[in-house]
């Protein structure tokens, strides 16, 4: 018989997987640099995460001062 702590841990892991899948389905932008979890990376978050400061303006294609998921993906593809 499974121990209660094991069942709780399995339940938490399952719940986190469901939340992650839901966020991906909603088009959420999840990146560790987005410390305030607003689905965008500000210049301050960008530099705090040690991303190249000179690249921020290149990534911010609409020049609104924030990097969205599509902007980050497009910028990242230019880095390979």
PDB file of N, CA and C in Angstrom:
ATOM      1  N   UNK A   1       0.837  -1.176   0.000  1.00  0.00           N
ATOM      2  CA  UNK A   1       0.000   0.000   0.000  1.00  0.00           C
ATOM      3  C   UNK A   1       0.884   1.242   0.000  1.00  0.00           C
ATOM      4  N   UNK A   2       0.528   2.222  -0.826  1.00  0.00           N
ATOM      5  CA  UNK A   2       1.320   3.440  -0.944  1.00  0.00           C
ATOM      6  C   UNK A   2       1.189   4.289   0.318  1.00  0.00           C
ATOM      7  N   UNK A   3       2.277   4.928   0.675  1.00  0.00           N
ATOM      8  CA  UNK A   3       2.275   5.805   1.837  1.00  0.00           C
ATOM      9  C   UNK A   3       1.560   7.107   1.497  1.00  0.00           C
ATOM     10  N   UNK A   4       0.912   7.732   2.449  1.00  0.00           N
ATOM     11  CA  UNK A   4       0.191   8.992   2.195  1.00  0.00           C
ATOM     12  C   UNK A   4       1.078  10.075   1.580  1.00  0.00           C
ATOM     13  N   UNK A   5       2.333  10.182   2.028  1.00  0.00           N
ATOM     14  CA  UNK A   5       3.207  11.218   1.467  1.00  0.00           C
ATOM     15  C   UNK A   5       3.512  10.939   0.002  1.00  0.00           C
ATOM     16  N   UNK A   6       3.617   9.673  -0.359  1.00  0.00           N
ATOM     17  CA  UNK A   6       3.856   9.318  -1.759  1.00  0.00           C
ATOM     18  C   UNK A   6       2.648   9.690  -2.600  1.00  0.00           C
ATOM     19  N   UNK A   7       1.461   9.414  -2.100  1.00  0.00           N
ATOM     20  CA  UNK A   7       0.247   9.763  -2.828  1.00  0.00           C
ATOM     21  C   UNK A   7       0.100  11.267  -2.984  1.00  0.00           C
ATOM     22  N   UNK A   8       0.433  12.005  -1.951  1.00  0.00           N
ATOM     23  CA  UNK A   8       0.360  13.467  -2.020  1.00  0.00           C
ATOM     24  C   UNK A   8       1.361  13.985  -3.052  1.00  0.00           C
ATOM     25  N   UNK A   9       2.575  13.460  -3.029  1.00  0.00           N
ATOM     26  CA  UNK A   9       3.599  13.884  -3.984  1.00  0.00           C
ATOM     27  C   UNK A   9       3.165  13.582  -5.408  1.00  0.00           C
ATOM     28  N   UNK A  10       2.611  12.420  -5.636  1.00  0.00           N
ATOM     29  CA  UNK A  10       2.132  12.069  -6.977  1.00  0.00           C
ATOM     30  C   UNK A  10       0.994  12.993  -7.407  1.00  0.00           C
ATOM     31  N   UNK A  11       0.127  13.322  -6.489  1.00  0.00           N
ATOM     32  CA  UNK A  11      -0.970  14.237  -6.791  1.00  0.00           C
ATOM     33  C   UNK A  11      -0.466  15.619  -7.158  1.00  0.00           C
ATOM     34  N   UNK A  12       0.548  16.112  -6.432  1.00  0.00           N
ATOM     35  CA  UNK A  12       1.119  17.420  -6.733  1.00  0.00           C
ATOM     36  C   UNK A  12       1.800  17.440  -8.095  1.00  0.00           C
ATOM     37  N   UNK A  13       2.542  16.393  -8.398  1.00  0.00           N
ATOM     38  CA  UNK A  13       3.212  16.294  -9.693  1.00  0.00           C
ATOM     39  C   UNK A  13       2.174  16.286 -10.809  1.00  0.00           C
ATOM     40  N   UNK A  14       1.118  15.540 -10.627  1.00  0.00           N
ATOM     41  CA  UNK A  14       0.056  15.496 -11.638  1.00  0.00           C
ATOM     42  C   UNK A  14      -0.591  16.861 -11.814  1.00  0.00           C
ATOM     43  N   UNK A  15      -0.844  17.537 -10.716  1.00  0.00           N
ATOM     44  CA  UNK A  15      -1.470  18.858 -10.780  1.00  0.00           C
ATOM     45  C   UNK A  15      -0.566  19.848 -11.501  1.00  0.00           C
ATOM     46  N   UNK A  16       0.726  19.807 -11.220  1.00  0.00           N
ATOM     47  CA  UNK A  16       1.661  20.712 -11.898  1.00  0.00           C
ATOM     48  C   UNK A  16       1.716  20.435 -13.390  1.00  0.00           C
ATOM     49  N   UNK A  17       1.660  19.185 -13.768  1.00  0.00           N
ATOM     50  CA  UNK A  17       1.668  18.832 -15.191  1.00  0.00           C
ATOM     51  C   UNK A  17       0.424  19.372 -15.883  1.00  0.00           C
ATOM     52  N   UNK A  18      -0.703  19.295 -15.215  1.00  0.00           N
ATOM     53  CA  UNK A  18      -1.955  19.814 -15.786  1.00  0.00           C
ATOM     54  C   UNK A  18      -1.867  21.331 -15.943  1.00  0.00           C
ATOM     55  N   UNK A  19      -1.343  22.018 -14.941  1.00  0.00           N
ATOM     56  CA  UNK A  19      -1.209  23.474 -15.008  1.00  0.00           C
ATOM     57  C   UNK A  19      -0.265  23.867 -16.140  1.00  0.00           C
ATOM     58  N   UNK A  20       0.867  23.184 -16.267  1.00  0.00           N
ATOM     59  CA  UNK A  20       1.825  23.493 -17.333  1.00  0.00           C
ATOM     60  C   UNK A  20       1.202  23.278 -18.703  1.00  0.00           C
ATOM     61  N   UNK A  21       0.444  22.209 -18.862  1.00  0.00           N
ATOM     62  CA  UNK A  21      -0.214  21.932 -20.142  1.00  0.00           C
ATOM     63  C   UNK A  21      -1.262  23.006 -20.442  1.00  0.00           C
ATOM     64  N   UNK A  22      -1.985  23.431 -19.426  1.00  0.00           N
ATOM     65  CA  UNK A  22      -3.001  24.464 -19.621  1.00  0.00           C
ATOM     66  C   UNK A  22      -2.355  25.787 -20.016  1.00  0.00           C
ATOM     67  N   UNK A  23      -1.245  26.115 -19.388  1.00  0.00           N
ATOM     68  CA  UNK A  23      -0.551  27.354 -19.722  1.00  0.00           C
ATOM     69  C   UNK A  23      -0.042  27.306 -21.156  1.00  0.00           C
ATOM     70  N   UNK A  24       0.513  26.190 -21.575  1.00  0.00           N
ATOM     71  CA  UNK A  24       0.999  26.056 -22.940  1.00  0.00           C
ATOM     72  C   UNK A  24      -0.157  26.172 -23.927  1.00  0.00           C
ATOM     73  N   UNK A  25      -1.283  25.595 -23.590  1.00  0.00           N
ATOM     74  CA  UNK A  25      -2.455  25.653 -24.465  1.00  0.00           C
ATOM     75  C   UNK A  25      -2.985  27.075 -24.577  1.00  0.00           C
ATOM     76  N   UNK A  26      -2.812  27.870 -23.527  1.00  0.00           N
ATOM     77  CA  UNK A  26      -3.269  29.251 -23.536  1.00  0.00           C
ATOM     78  C   UNK A  26      -2.279  30.172 -24.236  1.00  0.00           C
ATOM     79  N   UNK A  27      -1.152  29.627 -24.673  1.00  0.00           N
ATOM     80  CA  UNK A  27      -0.145  30.445 -25.324  1.00  0.00           C
ATOM     81  C   UNK A  27       0.686  31.255 -24.345  1.00  0.00           C
ATOM     82  N   UNK A  28       0.754  30.818 -23.113  1.00  0.00           N
ATOM     83  CA  UNK A  28       1.538  31.523 -22.107  1.00  0.00           C
ATOM     84  C   UNK A  28       3.010  31.462 -22.463  1.00  0.00           C
ATOM     85  N   UNK A  29       3.712  32.528 -22.151  1.00  0.00           N
ATOM     86  CA  UNK A  29       5.152  32.618 -22.350  1.00  0.00           C
ATOM     87  C   UNK A  29       5.812  32.341 -21.013  1.00  0.00           C
ATOM     88  N   UNK A  30       6.479  31.225 -20.919  1.00  0.00           N
ATOM     89  CA  UNK A  30       7.112  30.833 -19.670  1.00  0.00           C
ATOM     90  C   UNK A  30       8.620  30.830 -19.876  1.00  0.00           C
ATOM     91  N   UNK A  31       9.305  31.739 -19.207  1.00  0.00           N
ATOM     92  CA  UNK A  31      10.764  31.825 -19.276  1.00  0.00           C
ATOM     93  C   UNK A  31      11.254  32.282 -17.912  1.00  0.00           C
ATOM     94  N   UNK A  32      12.354  31.711 -17.427  1.00  0.00           N
ATOM     95  CA  UNK A  32      12.834  32.094 -16.089  1.00  0.00           C
ATOM     96  C   UNK A  32      13.212  33.570 -15.957  1.00  0.00           C
ATOM     97  N   UNK A  33      13.502  34.245 -17.045  1.00  0.00           N
ATOM     98  CA  UNK A  33      13.817  35.675 -16.970  1.00  0.00           C
ATOM     99  C   UNK A  33      12.588  36.504 -16.619  1.00  0.00           C
ATOM    100  N   UNK A  34      11.405  35.979 -16.892  1.00  0.00           N
ATOM    101  CA  UNK A  34      10.152  36.692 -16.600  1.00  0.00           C
ATOM    102  C   UNK A  34       9.826  36.515 -15.119  1.00  0.00           C
ATOM    103  N   UNK A  35      10.537  37.270 -14.298  1.00  0.00           N
ATOM    104  CA  UNK A  35      10.422  37.068 -12.850  1.00  0.00           C
ATOM    105  C   UNK A  35       9.099  37.537 -12.265  1.00  0.00           C
ATOM    106  N   UNK A  36       8.404  38.463 -12.919  1.00  0.00           N
ATOM    107  CA  UNK A  36       7.110  38.893 -12.389  1.00  0.00           C
ATOM    108  C   UNK A  36       5.947  38.121 -13.018  1.00  0.00           C
ATOM    109  N   UNK A  37       6.265  37.163 -13.870  1.00  0.00           N
ATOM    110  CA  UNK A  37       5.283  36.226 -14.459  1.00  0.00           C
ATOM    111  C   UNK A  37       4.152  36.930 -15.211  1.00  0.00           C
ATOM    112  N   UNK A  38       4.511  38.000 -15.958  1.00  0.00           N
ATOM    113  CA  UNK A  38       3.492  38.688 -16.755  1.00  0.00           C
ATOM    114  C   UNK A  38       3.535  38.277 -18.225  1.00  0.00           C
ATOM    115  N   UNK A  39       4.270  37.218 -18.526  1.00  0.00           N
ATOM    116  CA  UNK A  39       4.390  36.669 -19.886  1.00  0.00           C
ATOM    117  C   UNK A  39       5.181  37.567 -20.824  1.00  0.00           C
ATOM    118  N   UNK A  40       5.963  38.478 -20.257  1.00  0.00           N
ATOM    119  CA  UNK A  40       6.822  39.362 -21.041  1.00  0.00           C
ATOM    120  C   UNK A  40       8.106  39.590 -20.267  1.00  0.00           C
ATOM    121  N   UNK A  41       9.173  39.890 -20.995  1.00  0.00           N
ATOM    122  CA  UNK A  41      10.456  40.177 -20.353  1.00  0.00           C
ATOM    123  C   UNK A  41      10.770  41.652 -20.558  1.00  0.00           C
ATOM    124  N   UNK A  42      10.926  42.372 -19.463  1.00  0.00           N
ATOM    125  CA  UNK A  42      11.297  43.785 -19.529  1.00  0.00           C
ATOM    126  C   UNK A  42      12.813  43.883 -19.717  1.00  0.00           C
ATOM    127  N   UNK A  43      13.290  45.082 -20.033  1.00  0.00           N
ATOM    128  CA  UNK A  43      14.739  45.291 -20.171  1.00  0.00           C
ATOM    129  C   UNK A  43      15.446  44.939 -18.856  1.00  0.00           C
ATOM    130  N   UNK A  44      14.845  45.325 -17.741  1.00  0.00           N
ATOM    131  CA  UNK A  44      15.444  45.032 -16.436  1.00  0.00           C
ATOM    132  C   UNK A  44      15.533  43.520 -16.204  1.00  0.00           C
ATOM    133  N   UNK A  45      14.475  42.793 -16.504  1.00  0.00           N
ATOM    134  CA  UNK A  45      14.492  41.333 -16.349  1.00  0.00           C
ATOM    135  C   UNK A  45      15.512  40.714 -17.307  1.00  0.00           C
ATOM    136  N   UNK A  46      15.571  41.227 -18.521  1.00  0.00           N
ATOM    137  CA  UNK A  46      16.497  40.728 -19.550  1.00  0.00           C
ATOM    138  C   UNK A  46      17.933  40.807 -19.044  1.00  0.00           C
ATOM    139  N   UNK A  47      18.331  41.988 -18.561  1.00  0.00           N
ATOM    140  CA  UNK A  47      19.715  42.160 -18.119  1.00  0.00           C
ATOM    141  C   UNK A  47      19.980  41.440 -16.794  1.00  0.00           C
ATOM    142  N   UNK A  48      18.996  41.389 -15.906  1.00  0.00           N
ATOM    143  CA  UNK A  48      19.167  40.665 -14.645  1.00  0.00           C
ATOM    144  C   UNK A  48      19.401  39.180 -14.890  1.00  0.00           C
ATOM    145  N   UNK A  49      18.807  38.653 -15.961  1.00  0.00           N
ATOM    146  CA  UNK A  49      18.976  37.239 -16.298  1.00  0.00           C
ATOM    147  C   UNK A  49      20.274  37.002 -17.077  1.00  0.00           C
ATOM    148  N   UNK A  50      21.017  38.065 -17.307  1.00  0.00           N
ATOM    149  CA  UNK A  50      22.310  38.018 -17.998  1.00  0.00           C
ATOM    150  C   UNK A  50      22.180  37.728 -19.490  1.00  0.00           C
ATOM    151  N   UNK A  51      21.036  38.095 -20.078  1.00  0.00           N
ATOM    152  CA  UNK A  51      20.917  38.041 -21.536  1.00  0.00           C
ATOM    153  C   UNK A  51      21.673  39.249 -22.075  1.00  0.00           C
ATOM    154  N   UNK A  52      22.227  39.168 -23.293  1.00  0.00           N
ATOM    155  CA  UNK A  52      23.063  40.263 -23.804  1.00  0.00           C
ATOM    156  C   UNK A  52      22.280  41.574 -23.950  1.00  0.00           C
ATOM    157  N   UNK A  53      22.686  42.586 -23.182  1.00  0.00           N
ATOM    158  CA  UNK A  53      21.975  43.869 -23.156  1.00  0.00           C
ATOM    159  C   UNK A  53      21.841  44.471 -24.555  1.00  0.00           C
ATOM    160  N   UNK A  54      22.872  44.325 -25.363  1.00  0.00           N
ATOM    161  CA  UNK A  54      22.856  44.896 -26.711  1.00  0.00           C
ATOM    162  C   UNK A  54      21.828  44.220 -27.614  1.00  0.00           C
ATOM    163  N   UNK A  55      21.353  43.050 -27.236  1.00  0.00           N
ATOM    164  CA  UNK A  55      20.397  42.305 -28.053  1.00  0.00           C
ATOM    165  C   UNK A  55      18.934  42.622 -27.725  1.00  0.00           C
ATOM    166  N   UNK A  56      18.690  43.332 -26.620  1.00  0.00           N
ATOM    167  CA  UNK A  56      17.314  43.585 -26.214  1.00  0.00           C
ATOM    168  C   UNK A  56      16.527  44.308 -27.305  1.00  0.00           C
ATOM    169  N   UNK A  57      17.094  45.381 -27.844  1.00  0.00           N
ATOM    170  CA  UNK A  57      16.378  46.149 -28.866  1.00  0.00           C
ATOM    171  C   UNK A  57      16.156  45.334 -30.138  1.00  0.00           C
ATOM    172  N   UNK A  58      17.073  44.439 -30.455  1.00  0.00           N
ATOM    173  CA  UNK A  58      16.889  43.565 -31.619  1.00  0.00           C
ATOM    174  C   UNK A  58      15.724  42.611 -31.391  1.00  0.00           C
ATOM    175  N   UNK A  59      15.601  42.113 -30.167  1.00  0.00           N
ATOM    176  CA  UNK A  59      14.530  41.176 -29.846  1.00  0.00           C
ATOM    177  C   UNK A  59      13.178  41.874 -29.746  1.00  0.00           C
ATOM    178  N   UNK A  60      13.187  43.121 -29.303  1.00  0.00           N
ATOM    179  CA  UNK A  60      11.953  43.887 -29.113  1.00  0.00           C
ATOM    180  C   UNK A  60      11.520  44.498 -30.447  1.00  0.00           C
ATOM    181  N   UNK A  61      10.993  43.671 -31.318  1.00  0.00           N
ATOM    182  CA  UNK A  61      10.710  44.101 -32.690  1.00  0.00           C
ATOM    183  C   UNK A  61       9.605  45.154 -32.799  1.00  0.00           C
ATOM    184  N   UNK A  62       8.689  45.210 -31.825  1.00  0.00           N
ATOM    185  CA  UNK A  62       7.653  46.244 -31.889  1.00  0.00           C
ATOM    186  C   UNK A  62       8.015  47.469 -31.044  1.00  0.00           C
ATOM    187  N   UNK A  63       9.209  47.461 -30.474  1.00  0.00           N
ATOM    188  CA  UNK A  63       9.757  48.596 -29.720  1.00  0.00           C
ATOM    189  C   UNK A  63       8.842  49.093 -28.598  1.00  0.00           C
ATOM    190  N   UNK A  64       8.177  48.142 -27.924  1.00  0.00           N
ATOM    191  CA  UNK A  64       7.317  48.541 -26.804  1.00  0.00           C
ATOM    192  C   UNK A  64       8.003  48.392 -25.452  1.00  0.00           C
ATOM    193  N   UNK A  65       9.278  48.000 -25.462  1.00  0.00           N
ATOM    194  CA  UNK A  65      10.029  47.863 -24.216  1.00  0.00           C
ATOM    195  C   UNK A  65       9.827  46.542 -23.510  1.00  0.00           C
ATOM    196  N   UNK A  66       9.137  45.599 -24.169  1.00  0.00           N
ATOM    197  CA  UNK A  66       8.877  44.283 -23.582  1.00  0.00           C
ATOM    198  C   UNK A  66       9.082  43.207 -24.642  1.00  0.00           C
ATOM    199  N   UNK A  67       9.626  42.086 -24.222  1.00  0.00           N
ATOM    200  CA  UNK A  67       9.831  40.951 -25.117  1.00  0.00           C
ATOM    201  C   UNK A  67       8.711  39.944 -24.858  1.00  0.00           C
ATOM    202  N   UNK A  68       7.934  39.671 -25.882  1.00  0.00           N
ATOM    203  CA  UNK A  68       6.867  38.672 -25.780  1.00  0.00           C
ATOM    204  C   UNK A  68       7.419  37.314 -26.195  1.00  0.00           C
ATOM    205  N   UNK A  69       6.618  36.286 -26.022  1.00  0.00           N
ATOM    206  CA  UNK A  69       7.032  34.948 -26.415  1.00  0.00           C
ATOM    207  C   UNK A  69       7.447  34.854 -27.867  1.00  0.00           C
ATOM    208  N   UNK A  70       6.600  35.301 -28.812  1.00  0.00           N
ATOM    209  CA  UNK A  70       6.993  35.236 -30.222  1.00  0.00           C
ATOM    210  C   UNK A  70       8.260  36.045 -30.528  1.00  0.00           C
ATOM    211  N   UNK A  71       8.413  37.198 -29.888  1.00  0.00           N
ATOM    212  CA  UNK A  71       9.629  37.991 -30.105  1.00  0.00           C
ATOM    213  C   UNK A  71      10.855  37.240 -29.585  1.00  0.00           C
ATOM    214  N   UNK A  72      10.722  36.620 -28.417  1.00  0.00           N
ATOM    215  CA  UNK A  72      11.860  35.893 -27.856  1.00  0.00           C
ATOM    216  C   UNK A  72      12.233  34.714 -28.748  1.00  0.00           C
ATOM    217  N   UNK A  73      11.235  33.983 -29.199  1.00  0.00           N
ATOM    218  CA  UNK A  73      11.493  32.823 -30.065  1.00  0.00           C
ATOM    219  C   UNK A  73      12.175  33.271 -31.349  1.00  0.00           C
ATOM    220  N   UNK A  74      11.690  34.348 -31.960  1.00  0.00           N
ATOM    221  CA  UNK A  74      12.293  34.845 -33.195  1.00  0.00           C
ATOM    222  C   UNK A  74      13.735  35.289 -32.949  1.00  0.00           C
ATOM    223  N   UNK A  75      13.968  35.999 -31.840  1.00  0.00           N
ATOM    224  CA  UNK A  75      15.326  36.428 -31.515  1.00  0.00           C
ATOM    225  C   UNK A  75      16.231  35.227 -31.282  1.00  0.00           C
ATOM    226  N   UNK A  76      15.731  34.268 -30.522  1.00  0.00           N
ATOM    227  CA  UNK A  76      16.540  33.081 -30.190  1.00  0.00           C
ATOM    228  C   UNK A  76      16.941  32.319 -31.447  1.00  0.00           C
ATOM    229  N   UNK A  77      16.082  32.270 -32.442  1.00  0.00           N
ATOM    230  CA  UNK A  77      16.392  31.568 -33.685  1.00  0.00           C
ATOM    231  C   UNK A  77      17.530  32.254 -34.445  1.00  0.00           C
ATOM    232  N   UNK A  78      17.713  33.543 -34.229  1.00  0.00           N
ATOM    233  CA  UNK A  78      18.824  34.245 -34.881  1.00  0.00           C
ATOM    234  C   UNK A  78      20.149  34.000 -34.171  1.00  0.00           C
ATOM    235  N   UNK A  79      20.094  33.430 -32.974  1.00  0.00           N
ATOM    236  CA  UNK A  79      21.300  33.219 -32.168  1.00  0.00           C
ATOM    237  C   UNK A  79      22.003  31.898 -32.458  1.00  0.00           C
ATOM    238  N   UNK A  80      21.384  31.022 -33.218  1.00  0.00           N
ATOM    239  CA  UNK A  80      21.993  29.712 -33.491  1.00  0.00           C
ATOM    240  C   UNK A  80      22.940  29.758 -34.660  1.00  0.00           C
TER     241      UNK A  80
END
